């Protein structure tokens, strides 16, 4: 699975691997970010491409089917 453009404007959730604090950002944010500072624990969290694939797969059910607009 790729990073589906149909999820770029959808809020996707990711839990900090250190403290489990959940951040919700649009898919477009996940597409470009490589790291962020967790609001829960203050640590710098790296988001790898495999992490991004997993996030998009987890939220695939929210994708708008092509031509459904």
Protein backbone atom coordinates (compact mmCIF):
# COMPACT_ATOMS: atom_id res chain seq x y z
CA UNK A 1 0.00 0.00 0.00
CA UNK A 2 1.14 3.52 -0.72
CA UNK A 3 0.32 6.73 1.09
CA UNK A 4 -3.11 7.19 -0.44
CA UNK A 5 -3.92 10.78 -1.47
CA UNK A 6 -7.54 10.09 -0.49
CA UNK A 7 -6.39 10.18 3.15
CA UNK A 8 -4.40 13.43 2.91
CA UNK A 9 -7.29 15.53 4.26
CA UNK A 10 -8.44 12.93 6.82
CA UNK A 11 -7.43 13.02 10.49
CA UNK A 12 -5.21 10.02 11.22
CA UNK A 13 -4.15 8.89 14.69
CA UNK A 14 -0.66 7.85 15.81
CA UNK A 15 0.37 6.82 19.32
CA UNK A 16 3.74 7.83 20.71
CA UNK A 17 5.79 4.63 21.09
CA UNK A 18 7.22 5.96 24.37
CA UNK A 19 4.14 7.17 26.29
CA UNK A 20 1.13 6.19 24.10
CA UNK A 21 -0.02 9.83 23.77
CA UNK A 22 -2.19 10.03 20.64
CA UNK A 23 -1.60 12.70 18.03
CA UNK A 24 -4.21 13.26 15.31
CA UNK A 25 -3.05 14.98 12.15
CA UNK A 26 -4.16 15.03 8.52
CA UNK A 27 -2.65 12.39 6.28
CA UNK A 28 -0.78 15.12 4.40
CA UNK A 29 1.13 15.90 7.63
CA UNK A 30 2.18 12.27 7.99
CA UNK A 31 3.24 12.24 4.34
CA UNK A 32 5.90 14.93 4.89
CA UNK A 33 6.91 14.65 8.56
CA UNK A 34 9.99 12.66 9.59
CA UNK A 35 9.89 13.48 13.30
CA UNK A 36 7.91 15.49 15.83
CA UNK A 37 8.01 16.37 19.51
CA UNK A 38 5.42 14.42 21.50
CA UNK A 39 3.04 16.61 23.51
CA UNK A 40 2.70 13.82 26.06
CA UNK A 41 6.30 13.07 27.01
CA UNK A 42 8.25 15.80 25.20
CA UNK A 43 10.51 13.35 23.40
CA UNK A 44 11.53 13.66 19.78
CA UNK A 45 9.71 10.85 17.92
CA UNK A 46 10.89 9.62 14.54
CA UNK A 47 8.27 8.48 12.03
CA UNK A 48 9.76 6.18 9.40
CA UNK A 49 8.25 5.30 6.04
CA UNK A 50 7.18 1.85 7.35
CA UNK A 51 5.45 3.69 10.24
CA UNK A 52 3.64 5.87 7.70
CA UNK A 53 2.53 2.84 5.68
CA UNK A 54 1.14 1.26 8.88
CA UNK A 55 -0.73 4.47 9.79
CA UNK A 56 -2.29 4.72 6.32
CA UNK A 57 -3.20 1.00 6.31
CA UNK A 58 -4.84 1.33 9.74
CA UNK A 59 -7.02 4.17 8.41
CA UNK A 60 -7.64 2.76 4.89
CA UNK A 61 -11.34 2.31 5.70
CA UNK A 62 -11.64 6.12 5.86
CA UNK A 63 -10.42 6.59 2.28
CA UNK A 64 -12.79 8.08 -0.25
CA UNK A 65 -13.22 5.64 -3.15
CA UNK A 66 -12.01 7.04 -6.51
CA UNK A 67 -14.80 8.89 -8.31
CA UNK A 68 -17.02 9.06 -5.22
CA UNK A 69 -16.95 12.86 -4.96
